[in-house]
PDB file of N, CA and C in Angstrom:
ATOM      1  N   UNK A   1      46.572 114.009  79.525  1.00  0.00           N
ATOM      2  CA  UNK A   1      48.007 114.134  79.604  1.00  0.00           C
ATOM      3  C   UNK A   1      48.613 113.749  78.258  1.00  0.00           C
ATOM      4  N   UNK A   2      49.524 114.595  77.749  1.00  0.00           N
ATOM      5  CA  UNK A   2      50.213 114.309  76.496  1.00  0.00           C
ATOM      6  C   UNK A   2      51.555 113.664  76.794  1.00  0.00           C
ATOM      7  N   UNK A   3      51.923 112.689  75.982  1.00  0.00           N
ATOM      8  CA  UNK A   3      53.229 112.064  76.096  1.00  0.00           C
ATOM      9  C   UNK A   3      53.924 112.207  74.758  1.00  0.00           C
ATOM     10  N   UNK A   4      55.081 112.804  74.756  1.00  0.00           N
ATOM     11  CA  UNK A   4      55.856 112.985  73.531  1.00  0.00           C
ATOM     12  C   UNK A   4      56.798 111.799  73.380  1.00  0.00           C
ATOM     13  N   UNK A   5      56.733 111.118  72.243  1.00  0.00           N
ATOM     14  CA  UNK A   5      57.510 109.906  72.040  1.00  0.00           C
ATOM     15  C   UNK A   5      58.733 110.098  71.164  1.00  0.00           C
ATOM     16  N   UNK A   6      58.857 111.245  70.491  1.00  0.00           N
ATOM     17  CA  UNK A   6      60.030 111.436  69.644  1.00  0.00           C
ATOM     18  C   UNK A   6      61.083 112.264  70.382  1.00  0.00           C
ATOM     19  N   UNK A   7      62.104 112.682  69.667  1.00  0.00           N
ATOM     20  CA  UNK A   7      63.255 113.362  70.255  1.00  0.00           C
ATOM     21  C   UNK A   7      62.860 114.669  70.911  1.00  0.00           C
ATOM     22  N   UNK A   8      63.297 114.855  72.149  1.00  0.00           N
ATOM     23  CA  UNK A   8      63.049 116.083  72.895  1.00  0.00           C
ATOM     24  C   UNK A   8      64.395 116.575  73.429  1.00  0.00           C
ATOM     25  N   UNK A   9      64.637 117.865  73.275  1.00  0.00           N
ATOM     26  CA  UNK A   9      65.868 118.414  73.830  1.00  0.00           C
ATOM     27  C   UNK A   9      65.562 119.636  74.680  1.00  0.00           C
ATOM     28  N   UNK A  10      66.243 119.731  75.750  1.00  0.00           N
ATOM     29  CA  UNK A  10      66.133 120.886  76.629  1.00  0.00           C
ATOM     30  C   UNK A  10      67.531 121.198  77.172  1.00  0.00           C
ATOM     31  N   UNK A  11      68.491 121.092  76.298  1.00  0.00           N
ATOM     32  CA  UNK A  11      69.863 121.256  76.757  1.00  0.00           C
ATOM     33  C   UNK A  11      70.420 122.614  76.353  1.00  0.00           C
ATOM     34  N   UNK A  12      71.483 122.970  77.024  1.00  0.00           N
ATOM     35  CA  UNK A  12      72.206 124.183  76.667  1.00  0.00           C
ATOM     36  C   UNK A  12      73.689 123.911  76.873  1.00  0.00           C
ATOM     37  N   UNK A  13      74.513 124.768  76.323  1.00  0.00           N
ATOM     38  CA  UNK A  13      75.957 124.626  76.439  1.00  0.00           C
ATOM     39  C   UNK A  13      76.559 125.975  76.787  1.00  0.00           C
ATOM     40  N   UNK A  14      77.751 125.920  77.292  1.00  0.00           N
ATOM     41  CA  UNK A  14      78.497 127.141  77.551  1.00  0.00           C
ATOM     42  C   UNK A  14      79.818 127.065  76.799  1.00  0.00           C
ATOM     43  N   UNK A  15      80.118 128.108  76.060  1.00  0.00           N
ATOM     44  CA  UNK A  15      81.391 128.213  75.353  1.00  0.00           C
ATOM     45  C   UNK A  15      82.255 129.220  76.111  1.00  0.00           C
ATOM     46  N   UNK A  16      83.553 128.956  76.153  1.00  0.00           N
ATOM     47  CA  UNK A  16      84.468 129.848  76.852  1.00  0.00           C
ATOM     48  C   UNK A  16      85.485 130.410  75.872  1.00  0.00           C
ATOM     49  N   UNK A  17      85.762 131.679  76.021  1.00  0.00           N
ATOM     50  CA  UNK A  17      86.821 132.331  75.269  1.00  0.00           C
ATOM     51  C   UNK A  17      88.027 132.328  76.199  1.00  0.00           C
ATOM     52  N   UNK A  18      89.124 131.739  75.743  1.00  0.00           N
ATOM     53  CA  UNK A  18      90.281 131.574  76.614  1.00  0.00           C
ATOM     54  C   UNK A  18      91.524 132.160  75.971  1.00  0.00           C
ATOM     55  N   UNK A  19      92.457 132.564  76.815  1.00  0.00           N
ATOM     56  CA  UNK A  19      93.769 133.032  76.369  1.00  0.00           C
ATOM     57  C   UNK A  19      94.799 132.209  77.113  1.00  0.00           C
ATOM     58  N   UNK A  20      95.655 131.517  76.384  1.00  0.00           N
ATOM     59  CA  UNK A  20      96.645 130.629  76.981  1.00  0.00           C
ATOM     60  C   UNK A  20      98.030 131.244  76.832  1.00  0.00           C
ATOM     61  N   UNK A  21      98.705 131.541  77.943  1.00  0.00           N
ATOM     62  CA  UNK A  21     100.056 132.087  77.827  1.00  0.00           C
ATOM     63  C   UNK A  21     101.009 131.048  77.250  1.00  0.00           C
ATOM     64  N   UNK A  22     101.978 131.505  76.478  1.00  0.00           N
ATOM     65  CA  UNK A  22     102.937 130.596  75.847  1.00  0.00           C
ATOM     66  C   UNK A  22     103.771 129.846  76.873  1.00  0.00           C
ATOM     67  N   UNK A  23     104.010 130.453  78.012  1.00  0.00           N
ATOM     68  CA  UNK A  23     104.882 129.832  79.008  1.00  0.00           C
ATOM     69  C   UNK A  23     104.099 129.159  80.133  1.00  0.00           C
ATOM     70  N   UNK A  24     102.851 128.777  79.885  1.00  0.00           N
ATOM     71  CA  UNK A  24     102.055 128.077  80.888  1.00  0.00           C
ATOM     72  C   UNK A  24     102.737 126.753  81.230  1.00  0.00           C
ATOM     73  N   UNK A  25     102.999 126.530  82.499  1.00  0.00           N
ATOM     74  CA  UNK A  25     103.610 125.284  82.955  1.00  0.00           C
ATOM     75  C   UNK A  25     102.490 124.271  83.168  1.00  0.00           C
ATOM     76  N   UNK A  26     102.247 123.462  82.164  1.00  0.00           N
ATOM     77  CA  UNK A  26     101.113 122.542  82.186  1.00  0.00           C
ATOM     78  C   UNK A  26     101.289 121.487  83.273  1.00  0.00           C
ATOM     79  N   UNK A  27     102.496 121.017  83.486  1.00  0.00           N
ATOM     80  CA  UNK A  27     102.730 120.014  84.529  1.00  0.00           C
ATOM     81  C   UNK A  27     102.335 120.559  85.908  1.00  0.00           C
ATOM     82  N   UNK A  28     102.695 121.808  86.201  1.00  0.00           N
ATOM     83  CA  UNK A  28     102.306 122.425  87.472  1.00  0.00           C
ATOM     84  C   UNK A  28     100.789 122.601  87.546  1.00  0.00           C
ATOM     85  N   UNK A  29     100.183 122.940  86.421  1.00  0.00           N
ATOM     86  CA  UNK A  29      98.735 123.118  86.388  1.00  0.00           C
ATOM     87  C   UNK A  29      98.014 121.798  86.639  1.00  0.00           C
ATOM     88  N   UNK A  30      98.559 120.710  86.113  1.00  0.00           N
ATOM     89  CA  UNK A  30      97.961 119.388  86.334  1.00  0.00           C
ATOM     90  C   UNK A  30      98.021 119.030  87.814  1.00  0.00           C
ATOM     91  N   UNK A  31      99.127 119.339  88.475  1.00  0.00           N
ATOM     92  CA  UNK A  31      99.253 119.048  89.909  1.00  0.00           C
ATOM     93  C   UNK A  31      98.140 119.754  90.692  1.00  0.00           C
ATOM     94  N   UNK A  32      97.793 120.958  90.281  1.00  0.00           N
ATOM     95  CA  UNK A  32      96.768 121.735  90.984  1.00  0.00           C
ATOM     96  C   UNK A  32      95.386 121.094  90.911  1.00  0.00           C
ATOM     97  N   UNK A  33      95.126 120.268  89.878  1.00  0.00           N
ATOM     98  CA  UNK A  33      93.784 119.683  89.731  1.00  0.00           C
ATOM     99  C   UNK A  33      93.743 118.193  90.086  1.00  0.00           C
ATOM    100  N   UNK A  34      94.834 117.640  90.600  1.00  0.00           N
ATOM    101  CA  UNK A  34      94.895 116.195  90.835  1.00  0.00           C
ATOM    102  C   UNK A  34      93.881 115.675  91.844  1.00  0.00           C
ATOM    103  N   UNK A  35      93.326 116.517  92.668  1.00  0.00           N
ATOM    104  CA  UNK A  35      92.328 116.070  93.641  1.00  0.00           C
ATOM    105  C   UNK A  35      90.898 116.282  93.168  1.00  0.00           C
ATOM    106  N   UNK A  36      90.722 116.580  91.896  1.00  0.00           N
ATOM    107  CA  UNK A  36      89.368 116.828  91.382  1.00  0.00           C
ATOM    108  C   UNK A  36      88.788 115.571  90.738  1.00  0.00           C
ATOM    109  N   UNK A  37      87.469 115.522  90.688  1.00  0.00           N
ATOM    110  CA  UNK A  37      86.784 114.414  90.005  1.00  0.00           C
ATOM    111  C   UNK A  37      87.119 114.395  88.522  1.00  0.00           C
ATOM    112  N   UNK A  38      87.268 115.577  87.924  1.00  0.00           N
ATOM    113  CA  UNK A  38      87.561 115.668  86.495  1.00  0.00           C
ATOM    114  C   UNK A  38      88.880 114.967  86.169  1.00  0.00           C
ATOM    115  N   UNK A  39      89.882 115.219  86.991  1.00  0.00           N
ATOM    116  CA  UNK A  39      91.188 114.588  86.789  1.00  0.00           C
ATOM    117  C   UNK A  39      91.066 113.072  86.875  1.00  0.00           C
ATOM    118  N   UNK A  40      90.451 112.592  87.940  1.00  0.00           N
ATOM    119  CA  UNK A  40      90.332 111.147  88.160  1.00  0.00           C
ATOM    120  C   UNK A  40      89.571 110.472  87.014  1.00  0.00           C
ATOM    121  N   UNK A  41      88.453 111.080  86.613  1.00  0.00           N
ATOM    122  CA  UNK A  41      87.633 110.485  85.557  1.00  0.00           C
ATOM    123  C   UNK A  41      88.353 110.480  84.209  1.00  0.00           C
ATOM    124  N   UNK A  42      88.987 111.602  83.851  1.00  0.00           N
ATOM    125  CA  UNK A  42      89.703 111.673  82.576  1.00  0.00           C
ATOM    126  C   UNK A  42      90.914 110.745  82.568  1.00  0.00           C
ATOM    127  N   UNK A  43      91.638 110.701  83.683  1.00  0.00           N
ATOM    128  CA  UNK A  43      92.805 109.824  83.785  1.00  0.00           C
ATOM    129  C   UNK A  43      92.400 108.372  83.548  1.00  0.00           C
ATOM    130  N   UNK A  44      91.302 107.951  84.159  1.00  0.00           N
ATOM    131  CA  UNK A  44      90.850 106.563  84.006  1.00  0.00           C
ATOM    132  C   UNK A  44      90.259 106.303  82.624  1.00  0.00           C
ATOM    133  N   UNK A  45      89.369 107.203  82.172  1.00  0.00           N
ATOM    134  CA  UNK A  45      88.639 106.948  80.922  1.00  0.00           C
ATOM    135  C   UNK A  45      89.527 107.035  79.680  1.00  0.00           C
ATOM    136  N   UNK A  46      90.366 108.050  79.611  1.00  0.00           N
ATOM    137  CA  UNK A  46      91.132 108.283  78.385  1.00  0.00           C
ATOM    138  C   UNK A  46      92.562 107.748  78.438  1.00  0.00           C
ATOM    139  N   UNK A  47      93.124 107.659  79.635  1.00  0.00           N
ATOM    140  CA  UNK A  47      94.542 107.318  79.736  1.00  0.00           C
ATOM    141  C   UNK A  47      94.788 106.045  80.537  1.00  0.00           C
ATOM    142  N   UNK A  48      93.730 105.368  80.958  1.00  0.00           N
ATOM    143  CA  UNK A  48      93.829 104.084  81.663  1.00  0.00           C
ATOM    144  C   UNK A  48      94.798 104.160  82.841  1.00  0.00           C
ATOM    145  N   UNK A  49      94.767 105.299  83.546  1.00  0.00           N
ATOM    146  CA  UNK A  49      95.595 105.479  84.724  1.00  0.00           C
ATOM    147  C   UNK A  49      97.029 105.905  84.450  1.00  0.00           C
ATOM    148  N   UNK A  50      97.398 106.067  83.189  1.00  0.00           N
ATOM    149  CA  UNK A  50      98.771 106.421  82.823  1.00  0.00           C
ATOM    150  C   UNK A  50      98.937 107.946  82.895  1.00  0.00           C
ATOM    151  N   UNK A  51      99.639 108.423  83.912  1.00  0.00           N
ATOM    152  CA  UNK A  51      99.788 109.866  84.131  1.00  0.00           C
ATOM    153  C   UNK A  51     100.619 110.543  83.046  1.00  0.00           C
ATOM    154  N   UNK A  52     101.595 109.846  82.490  1.00  0.00           N
ATOM    155  CA  UNK A  52     102.402 110.415  81.400  1.00  0.00           C
ATOM    156  C   UNK A  52     101.529 110.651  80.176  1.00  0.00           C
ATOM    157  N   UNK A  53     100.692 109.681  79.850  1.00  0.00           N
ATOM    158  CA  UNK A  53      99.778 109.828  78.712  1.00  0.00           C
ATOM    159  C   UNK A  53      98.782 110.961  78.967  1.00  0.00           C
ATOM    160  N   UNK A  54      98.336 111.085  80.213  1.00  0.00           N
ATOM    161  CA  UNK A  54      97.420 112.165  80.572  1.00  0.00           C
ATOM    162  C   UNK A  54      98.067 113.524  80.323  1.00  0.00           C
ATOM    163  N   UNK A  55      99.303 113.702  80.804  1.00  0.00           N
ATOM    164  CA  UNK A  55     100.015 114.969  80.616  1.00  0.00           C
ATOM    165  C   UNK A  55     100.212 115.268  79.133  1.00  0.00           C
ATOM    166  N   UNK A  56     100.538 114.262  78.336  1.00  0.00           N
ATOM    167  CA  UNK A  56     100.691 114.450  76.888  1.00  0.00           C
ATOM    168  C   UNK A  56      99.382 114.885  76.248  1.00  0.00           C
ATOM    169  N   UNK A  57      98.278 114.302  76.693  1.00  0.00           N
ATOM    170  CA  UNK A  57      96.963 114.662  76.148  1.00  0.00           C
ATOM    171  C   UNK A  57      96.607 116.098  76.498  1.00  0.00           C
ATOM    172  N   UNK A  58      96.797 116.479  77.757  1.00  0.00           N
ATOM    173  CA  UNK A  58      96.510 117.853  78.192  1.00  0.00           C
ATOM    174  C   UNK A  58      97.405 118.837  77.439  1.00  0.00           C
ATOM    175  N   UNK A  59      98.666 118.488  77.253  1.00  0.00           N
ATOM    176  CA  UNK A  59      99.596 119.348  76.517  1.00  0.00           C
ATOM    177  C   UNK A  59      99.118 119.551  75.085  1.00  0.00           C
ATOM    178  N   UNK A  60      98.647 118.500  74.428  1.00  0.00           N
ATOM    179  CA  UNK A  60      98.092 118.628  73.060  1.00  0.00           C
ATOM    180  C   UNK A  60      96.885 119.550  73.052  1.00  0.00           C
ATOM    181  N   UNK A  61      96.023 119.430  74.050  1.00  0.00           N
ATOM    182  CA  UNK A  61      94.844 120.291  74.119  1.00  0.00           C
ATOM    183  C   UNK A  61      95.243 121.759  74.232  1.00  0.00           C
ATOM    184  N   UNK A  62      96.208 122.051  75.109  1.00  0.00           N
ATOM    185  CA  UNK A  62      96.625 123.443  75.280  1.00  0.00           C
ATOM    186  C   UNK A  62      97.390 123.965  74.069  1.00  0.00           C
ATOM    187  N   UNK A  63      98.141 123.116  73.409  1.00  0.00           N
ATOM    188  CA  UNK A  63      98.814 123.528  72.160  1.00  0.00           C
ATOM    189  C   UNK A  63      97.780 123.907  71.112  1.00  0.00           C
ATOM    190  N   UNK A  64      96.727 123.110  71.011  1.00  0.00           N
ATOM    191  CA  UNK A  64      95.661 123.414  70.048  1.00  0.00           C
ATOM    192  C   UNK A  64      95.030 124.767  70.365  1.00  0.00           C
ATOM    193  N   UNK A  65      94.753 125.020  71.639  1.00  0.00           N
ATOM    194  CA  UNK A  65      94.163 126.307  72.023  1.00  0.00           C
ATOM    195  C   UNK A  65      95.111 127.461  71.740  1.00  0.00           C
ATOM    196  N   UNK A  66      96.391 127.276  71.999  1.00  0.00           N
ATOM    197  CA  UNK A  66      97.374 128.323  71.711  1.00  0.00           C
ATOM    198  C   UNK A  66      97.460 128.617  70.219  1.00  0.00           C
ATOM    199  N   UNK A  67      97.150 127.625  69.392  1.00  0.00           N
ATOM    200  CA  UNK A  67      97.161 127.803  67.939  1.00  0.00           C
ATOM    201  C   UNK A  67      95.825 128.299  67.401  1.00  0.00           C
ATOM    202  N   UNK A  68      94.913 128.671  68.302  1.00  0.00           N
ATOM    203  CA  UNK A  68      93.640 129.233  67.879  1.00  0.00           C
ATOM    204  C   UNK A  68      92.599 128.200  67.488  1.00  0.00           C
ATOM    205  N   UNK A  69      92.861 126.926  67.770  1.00  0.00           N
ATOM    206  CA  UNK A  69      91.892 125.880  67.443  1.00  0.00           C
ATOM    207  C   UNK A  69      90.804 125.823  68.505  1.00  0.00           C
ATOM    208  N   UNK A  70      89.685 125.203  68.141  1.00  0.00           N
ATOM    209  CA  UNK A  70      88.585 125.008  69.073  1.00  0.00           C
ATOM    210  C   UNK A  70      88.578 123.568  69.543  1.00  0.00           C
ATOM    211  N   UNK A  71      88.227 123.364  70.806  1.00  0.00           N
ATOM    212  CA  UNK A  71      88.071 122.026  71.349  1.00  0.00           C
ATOM    213  C   UNK A  71      86.588 121.793  71.606  1.00  0.00           C
ATOM    214  N   UNK A  72      86.102 120.630  71.229  1.00  0.00           N
ATOM    215  CA  UNK A  72      84.700 120.287  71.400  1.00  0.00           C
ATOM    216  C   UNK A  72      84.590 119.194  72.450  1.00  0.00           C
ATOM    217  N   UNK A  73      83.690 119.398  73.411  1.00  0.00           N
ATOM    218  CA  UNK A  73      83.555 118.494  74.537  1.00  0.00           C
ATOM    219  C   UNK A  73      83.368 117.041  74.183  1.00  0.00           C
ATOM    220  N   UNK A  74      82.575 116.760  73.180  1.00  0.00           N
ATOM    221  CA  UNK A  74      82.302 115.364  72.851  1.00  0.00           C
ATOM    222  C   UNK A  74      83.357 114.747  71.944  1.00  0.00           C
ATOM    223  N   UNK A  75      84.325 115.523  71.502  1.00  0.00           N
ATOM    224  CA  UNK A  75      85.363 115.026  70.600  1.00  0.00           C
ATOM    225  C   UNK A  75      86.772 115.128  71.181  1.00  0.00           C
ATOM    226  N   UNK A  76      86.929 115.731  72.343  1.00  0.00           N
ATOM    227  CA  UNK A  76      88.249 116.022  72.894  1.00  0.00           C
ATOM    228  C   UNK A  76      88.527 115.153  74.113  1.00  0.00           C
ATOM    229  N   UNK A  77      89.621 114.403  74.064  1.00  0.00           N
ATOM    230  CA  UNK A  77      90.026 113.615  75.223  1.00  0.00           C
ATOM    231  C   UNK A  77      90.443 114.543  76.358  1.00  0.00           C
ATOM    232  N   UNK A  78      90.064 114.196  77.561  1.00  0.00           N
ATOM    233  CA  UNK A  78      90.420 114.950  78.774  1.00  0.00           C
ATOM    234  C   UNK A  78      89.894 116.382  78.759  1.00  0.00           C
ATOM    235  N   UNK A  79      88.749 116.579  78.148  1.00  0.00           N
ATOM    236  CA  UNK A  79      88.169 117.920  78.040  1.00  0.00           C
ATOM    237  C   UNK A  79      87.859 118.528  79.408  1.00  0.00           C
ATOM    238  N   UNK A  80      87.315 117.712  80.315  1.00  0.00           N
ATOM    239  CA  UNK A  80      86.923 118.268  81.612  1.00  0.00           C
ATOM    240  C   UNK A  80      88.137 118.688  82.433  1.00  0.00           C
ATOM    241  N   UNK A  81      89.218 117.945  82.336  1.00  0.00           N
ATOM    242  CA  UNK A  81      90.453 118.341  83.030  1.00  0.00           C
ATOM    243  C   UNK A  81      91.041 119.594  82.393  1.00  0.00           C
ATOM    244  N   UNK A  82      90.955 119.686  81.064  1.00  0.00           N
ATOM    245  CA  UNK A  82      91.424 120.890  80.366  1.00  0.00           C
ATOM    246  C   UNK A  82      90.651 122.105  80.861  1.00  0.00           C
ATOM    247  N   UNK A  83      89.332 121.966  80.967  1.00  0.00           N
ATOM    248  CA  UNK A  83      88.506 123.065  81.476  1.00  0.00           C
ATOM    249  C   UNK A  83      88.873 123.393  82.922  1.00  0.00           C
ATOM    250  N   UNK A  84      89.079 122.373  83.725  1.00  0.00           N
ATOM    251  CA  UNK A  84      89.405 122.595  85.133  1.00  0.00           C
ATOM    252  C   UNK A  84      90.694 123.399  85.266  1.00  0.00           C
ATOM    253  N   UNK A  85      91.679 123.098  84.434  1.00  0.00           N
ATOM    254  CA  UNK A  85      92.935 123.870  84.454  1.00  0.00           C
ATOM    255  C   UNK A  85      92.672 125.310  84.026  1.00  0.00           C
ATOM    256  N   UNK A  86      91.866 125.490  83.004  1.00  0.00           N
ATOM    257  CA  UNK A  86      91.530 126.843  82.541  1.00  0.00           C
ATOM    258  C   UNK A  86      90.903 127.652  83.671  1.00  0.00           C
ATOM    259  N   UNK A  87      89.995 127.048  84.426  1.00  0.00           N
ATOM    260  CA  UNK A  87      89.360 127.760  85.535  1.00  0.00           C
ATOM    261  C   UNK A  87      90.348 127.986  86.680  1.00  0.00           C
ATOM    262  N   UNK A  88      91.139 126.979  87.003  1.00  0.00           N
ATOM    263  CA  UNK A  88      92.118 127.079  88.091  1.00  0.00           C
ATOM    264  C   UNK A  88      93.145 128.175  87.804  1.00  0.00           C
ATOM    265  N   UNK A  89      93.585 128.269  86.553  1.00  0.00           N
ATOM    266  CA  UNK A  89      94.592 129.254  86.157  1.00  0.00           C
ATOM    267  C   UNK A  89      93.978 130.602  85.752  1.00  0.00           C
ATOM    268  N   UNK A  90      92.650 130.689  85.806  1.00  0.00           N
ATOM    269  CA  UNK A  90      91.917 131.922  85.473  1.00  0.00           C
ATOM    270  C   UNK A  90      92.220 132.403  84.050  1.00  0.00           C
ATOM    271  N   UNK A  91      92.112 131.474  83.102  1.00  0.00           N
ATOM    272  CA  UNK A  91      92.418 131.781  81.706  1.00  0.00           C
ATOM    273  C   UNK A  91      91.175 132.026  80.860  1.00  0.00           C
ATOM    274  N   UNK A  92      89.992 131.887  81.447  1.00  0.00           N
ATOM    275  CA  UNK A  92      88.755 132.149  80.707  1.00  0.00           C
ATOM    276  C   UNK A  92      88.487 133.648  80.714  1.00  0.00           C
ATOM    277  N   UNK A  93      88.409 134.223  79.519  1.00  0.00           N
ATOM    278  CA  UNK A  93      88.160 135.661  79.385  1.00  0.00           C
ATOM    279  C   UNK A  93      86.666 135.944  79.494  1.00  0.00           C
ATOM    280  N   UNK A  94      85.862 135.081  78.875  1.00  0.00           N
ATOM    281  CA  UNK A  94      84.415 135.279  78.872  1.00  0.00           C
ATOM    282  C   UNK A  94      83.737 133.949  78.602  1.00  0.00           C
ATOM    283  N   UNK A  95      82.455 133.878  78.920  1.00  0.00           N
ATOM    284  CA  UNK A  95      81.673 132.687  78.607  1.00  0.00           C
ATOM    285  C   UNK A  95      80.419 133.106  77.857  1.00  0.00           C
ATOM    286  N   UNK A  96      79.944 132.192  77.015  1.00  0.00           N
ATOM    287  CA  UNK A  96      78.730 132.437  76.239  1.00  0.00           C
ATOM    288  C   UNK A  96      77.827 131.232  76.429  1.00  0.00           C
ATOM    289  N   UNK A  97      76.626 131.464  76.952  1.00  0.00           N
ATOM    290  CA  UNK A  97      75.659 130.377  77.094  1.00  0.00           C
ATOM    291  C   UNK A  97      74.868 130.252  75.809  1.00  0.00           C
ATOM    292  N   UNK A  98      74.736 129.025  75.324  1.00  0.00           N
ATOM    293  CA  UNK A  98      74.034 128.759  74.080  1.00  0.00           C
ATOM    294  C   UNK A  98      72.870 127.839  74.395  1.00  0.00           C
ATOM    295  N   UNK A  99      71.675 128.265  74.034  1.00  0.00           N
ATOM    296  CA  UNK A  99      70.507 127.443  74.312  1.00  0.00           C
ATOM    297  C   UNK A  99      70.152 126.594  73.104  1.00  0.00           C
ATOM    298  N   UNK A 100      69.301 125.614  73.327  1.00  0.00           N
ATOM    299  CA  UNK A 100      68.925 124.688  72.261  1.00  0.00           C
ATOM    300  C   UNK A 100      67.867 125.257  71.325  1.00  0.00           C
ATOM    301  N   UNK A 101      67.355 126.449  71.607  1.00  0.00           N
ATOM    302  CA  UNK A 101      66.291 126.987  70.753  1.00  0.00           C
ATOM    303  C   UNK A 101      66.810 127.633  69.472  1.00  0.00           C
ATOM    304  N   UNK A 102      68.120 127.628  69.293  1.00  0.00           N
ATOM    305  CA  UNK A 102      68.700 128.138  68.053  1.00  0.00           C
ATOM    306  C   UNK A 102      68.878 129.635  68.007  1.00  0.00           C
ATOM    307  N   UNK A 103      68.525 130.320  69.075  1.00  0.00           N
ATOM    308  CA  UNK A 103      68.668 131.767  69.088  1.00  0.00           C
ATOM    309  C   UNK A 103      70.118 132.188  69.177  1.00  0.00           C
ATOM    310  N   UNK A 104      70.465 133.232  68.463  1.00  0.00           N
ATOM    311  CA  UNK A 104      71.823 133.749  68.525  1.00  0.00           C
ATOM    312  C   UNK A 104      72.034 134.559  69.783  1.00  0.00           C
ATOM    313  N   UNK A 105      73.245 134.582  70.246  1.00  0.00           N
ATOM    314  CA  UNK A 105      73.574 135.323  71.452  1.00  0.00           C
ATOM    315  C   UNK A 105      74.806 136.168  71.178  1.00  0.00           C
ATOM    316  N   UNK A 106      74.758 137.423  71.582  1.00  0.00           N
ATOM    317  CA  UNK A 106      75.922 138.289  71.540  1.00  0.00           C
ATOM    318  C   UNK A 106      76.363 138.518  72.978  1.00  0.00           C
ATOM    319  N   UNK A 107      77.631 138.371  73.240  1.00  0.00           N
ATOM    320  CA  UNK A 107      78.118 138.548  74.601  1.00  0.00           C
ATOM    321  C   UNK A 107      79.237 139.572  74.609  1.00  0.00           C
ATOM    322  N   UNK A 108      79.152 140.496  75.513  1.00  0.00           N
ATOM    323  CA  UNK A 108      80.203 141.492  75.661  1.00  0.00           C
ATOM    324  C   UNK A 108      81.282 140.993  76.604  1.00  0.00           C
ATOM    325  N   UNK A 109      82.466 141.514  76.437  1.00  0.00           N
ATOM    326  CA  UNK A 109      83.570 141.214  77.343  1.00  0.00           C
ATOM    327  C   UNK A 109      83.881 142.485  78.108  1.00  0.00           C
ATOM    328  N   UNK A 110      83.868 142.386  79.411  1.00  0.00           N
ATOM    329  CA  UNK A 110      84.151 143.553  80.241  1.00  0.00           C
ATOM    330  C   UNK A 110      85.628 143.916  80.143  1.00  0.00           C
ATOM    331  N   UNK A 111      85.898 145.192  80.089  1.00  0.00           N
ATOM    332  CA  UNK A 111      87.273 145.671  80.034  1.00  0.00           C
ATOM    333  C   UNK A 111      88.058 145.158  81.239  1.00  0.00           C
ATOM    334  N   UNK A 112      87.408 145.060  82.397  1.00  0.00           N
ATOM    335  CA  UNK A 112      88.065 144.558  83.599  1.00  0.00           C
ATOM    336  C   UNK A 112      88.575 143.124  83.379  1.00  0.00           C
ATOM    337  N   UNK A 113      87.793 142.290  82.681  1.00  0.00           N
ATOM    338  CA  UNK A 113      88.227 140.915  82.406  1.00  0.00           C
ATOM    339  C   UNK A 113      89.456 140.892  81.508  1.00  0.00           C
ATOM    340  N   UNK A 114      89.475 141.751  80.515  1.00  0.00           N
ATOM    341  CA  UNK A 114      90.633 141.833  79.623  1.00  0.00           C
ATOM    342  C   UNK A 114      91.856 142.319  80.398  1.00  0.00           C
ATOM    343  N   UNK A 115      91.661 143.312  81.262  1.00  0.00           N
ATOM    344  CA  UNK A 115      92.777 143.829  82.057  1.00  0.00           C
ATOM    345  C   UNK A 115      93.309 142.767  83.015  1.00  0.00           C
ATOM    346  N   UNK A 116      92.419 141.944  83.588  1.00  0.00           N
ATOM    347  CA  UNK A 116      92.863 140.868  84.480  1.00  0.00           C
ATOM    348  C   UNK A 116      93.694 139.841  83.727  1.00  0.00           C
ATOM    349  N   UNK A 117      93.280 139.498  82.521  1.00  0.00           N
ATOM    350  CA  UNK A 117      94.040 138.549  81.713  1.00  0.00           C
ATOM    351  C   UNK A 117      95.381 139.166  81.325  1.00  0.00           C
ATOM    352  N   UNK A 118      95.362 140.441  80.943  1.00  0.00           N
ATOM    353  CA  UNK A 118      96.605 141.117  80.579  1.00  0.00           C
ATOM    354  C   UNK A 118      97.568 141.115  81.766  1.00  0.00           C
ATOM    355  N   UNK A 119      97.062 141.369  82.956  1.00  0.00           N
ATOM    356  CA  UNK A 119      97.888 141.357  84.165  1.00  0.00           C
ATOM    357  C   UNK A 119      98.468 139.957  84.377  1.00  0.00           C
ATOM    358  N   UNK A 120      97.656 138.932  84.146  1.00  0.00           N
ATOM    359  CA  UNK A 120      98.114 137.536  84.314  1.00  0.00           C
ATOM    360  C   UNK A 120      99.264 137.231  83.352  1.00  0.00           C
ATOM    361  N   UNK A 121      99.140 137.687  82.096  1.00  0.00           N
ATOM    362  CA  UNK A 121     100.193 137.467  81.113  1.00  0.00           C
ATOM    363  C   UNK A 121     101.463 138.217  81.500  1.00  0.00           C
ATOM    364  N   UNK A 122     101.319 139.437  81.995  1.00  0.00           N
ATOM    365  CA  UNK A 122     102.481 140.217  82.407  1.00  0.00           C
ATOM    366  C   UNK A 122     103.188 139.566  83.580  1.00  0.00           C
ATOM    367  N   UNK A 123     102.427 139.002  84.516  1.00  0.00           N
ATOM    368  CA  UNK A 123     103.024 138.284  85.653  1.00  0.00           C
ATOM    369  C   UNK A 123     103.811 137.091  85.167  1.00  0.00           C
ATOM    370  N   UNK A 124     103.268 136.369  84.184  1.00  0.00           N
ATOM    371  CA  UNK A 124     103.961 135.215  83.626  1.00  0.00           C
ATOM    372  C   UNK A 124     105.261 135.627  82.945  1.00  0.00           C
ATOM    373  N   UNK A 125     105.236 136.759  82.231  1.00  0.00           N
ATOM    374  CA  UNK A 125     106.445 137.232  81.559  1.00  0.00           C
ATOM    375  C   UNK A 125     107.508 137.634  82.569  1.00  0.00           C
ATOM    376  N   UNK A 126     107.083 138.207  83.692  1.00  0.00           N
ATOM    377  CA  UNK A 126     108.036 138.623  84.721  1.00  0.00           C
ATOM    378  C   UNK A 126     108.738 137.426  85.374  1.00  0.00           C
ATOM    379  N   UNK A 127     108.091 136.270  85.366  1.00  0.00           N
ATOM    380  CA  UNK A 127     108.671 135.063  85.973  1.00  0.00           C
ATOM    381  C   UNK A 127     109.764 134.466  85.097  1.00  0.00           C
ATOM    382  N   UNK A 128     109.754 134.794  83.799  1.00  0.00           N
ATOM    383  CA  UNK A 128     110.760 134.200  82.899  1.00  0.00           C
ATOM    384  C   UNK A 128     111.963 135.076  82.724  1.00  0.00           C
TER     385      UNK A 128
END
């Protein structure tokens, strides 16, 4: 039997391509995820139970995404709640799985996914 004593990795990550509407009501989106583990954990870990601070943090995250910035899981406060809102609001256009073997991946985006996002944006515009 062989035992490896140095660094071993068998991890992978998923990246999401997202589109954030300018008129996204972040406060309403936060209410939708308040019963999730992600909300509870992020609220306690990053905001010490302060809901106002939590909303400000989530708002900064979405502003960054609207400005075309990238958020990194290990560097972004309230990342899991941000992701939960993205999934709840159906703002993820596509996902790309990245493995630890260093191989490049090309991912296509289905026209249907783009049309669904476009429809979502049009619905948001009709509400204003």
